[in-house]
Amino acid sequence: MRCGAKCFLVEVEADGIKQTMPISARTSAEARKTIRLEYGAEWNILSVKEEKKSSNQAGS
C-alpha cells in the first residue's frame, strides 16, 4: 500500500452482474483508473465510495 492510500469500494456492473470491489488508491479517480486498467473499459463503474473504518472502541 502506498503512502496516502485509502480503501475505496467500487461498485461495477459487467454482463448484467453487479459487484463491489475494494480498491486501494489515493483518490476516487485513481480507483476508477485502476478498474479500467485491470478489467477493461467494458465494465460499467456505478459508484466509488471511500470505505469508512468503524471505531468500535467506545470510552477507551
Protein backbone atom coordinates (compact mmCIF):
# COMPACT_ATOMS: atom_id res chain seq x y z
CA MET A 1 0.00 0.00 0.00
CA ARG A 2 1.32 3.41 -0.95
CA CYS A 3 1.63 6.43 1.27
CA GLY A 4 -1.67 8.29 1.49
CA ALA A 5 -3.67 5.41 0.01
CA LYS A 6 -7.20 4.67 1.20
CA CYS A 7 -9.58 1.83 0.54
CA PHE A 8 -12.39 2.60 -1.90
CA LEU A 9 -15.42 0.40 -2.53
CA VAL A 10 -16.08 0.42 -6.27
CA GLU A 11 -19.45 -0.86 -7.48
CA VAL A 12 -19.22 -2.18 -11.05
CA GLU A 13 -21.53 -3.92 -13.49
CA ALA A 14 -20.41 -6.41 -16.12
CA ASP A 15 -22.66 -8.73 -18.14
CA GLY A 16 -25.65 -7.68 -16.02
CA ILE A 17 -23.95 -8.69 -12.75
CA LYS A 18 -23.24 -6.05 -10.08
CA GLN A 19 -20.13 -6.47 -7.92
CA THR A 20 -18.46 -4.42 -5.20
CA MET A 21 -14.67 -4.48 -5.14
CA PRO A 22 -12.26 -2.99 -2.61
CA ILE A 23 -9.54 -0.97 -4.37
CA SER A 24 -6.54 0.63 -2.69
CA ALA A 25 -5.91 4.09 -4.19
CA ARG A 26 -5.15 7.68 -3.20
CA THR A 27 -8.24 9.22 -4.84
CA SER A 28 -11.57 8.05 -6.25
CA ALA A 29 -10.35 8.97 -9.75
CA GLU A 30 -7.33 6.71 -9.29
CA ALA A 31 -9.62 3.89 -8.13
CA ARG A 32 -11.67 4.26 -11.33
CA LYS A 33 -8.48 4.24 -13.42
CA THR A 34 -7.30 1.07 -11.67
CA ILE A 35 -10.58 -0.71 -12.50
CA ARG A 36 -10.36 0.33 -16.16
CA LEU A 37 -6.73 -0.80 -16.47
CA GLU A 38 -7.23 -4.16 -14.75
CA TYR A 39 -10.65 -5.18 -16.08
CA GLY A 40 -11.13 -3.19 -19.28
CA ALA A 41 -13.45 -0.46 -20.49
CA GLU A 42 -16.44 -2.80 -20.88
CA TRP A 43 -17.00 -2.76 -17.10
CA ASN A 44 -19.51 -0.07 -16.16
CA ILE A 45 -18.47 1.76 -12.97
CA LEU A 46 -21.62 2.62 -10.99
CA SER A 47 -20.16 4.24 -7.86
CA VAL A 48 -16.95 4.82 -5.92
CA LYS A 49 -17.14 5.35 -2.16
CA GLU A 50 -14.41 5.66 0.44
CA GLU A 51 -14.57 2.81 2.93
CA LYS A 52 -15.13 4.15 6.42
CA LYS A 53 -13.36 2.42 9.25
CA SER A 54 -15.65 1.64 12.14
CA SER A 55 -14.49 2.69 15.60
CA ASN A 56 -15.77 0.06 17.99
CA GLN A 57 -13.68 1.35 20.89
CA ALA A 58 -16.13 3.38 22.97
CA GLY A 59 -14.84 5.03 26.12
CA SER A 60 -11.21 3.92 25.81
